[in-house]
């Protein structure tokens, strides 16, 4: 059981590390600019 818990912790840490590299998507309801330079 301890080995399974250690493996679970390692996998969760790996998933967290991967998820932290994925950028957030902009919200559709956010304000848009007239062009690429105007967008925030």
Foldseek 3Di string as FASTA:
>chain_A
DVVVVVVVVVVVVVVVVVVVVDDDDDDPPDDQDPDPVGGD
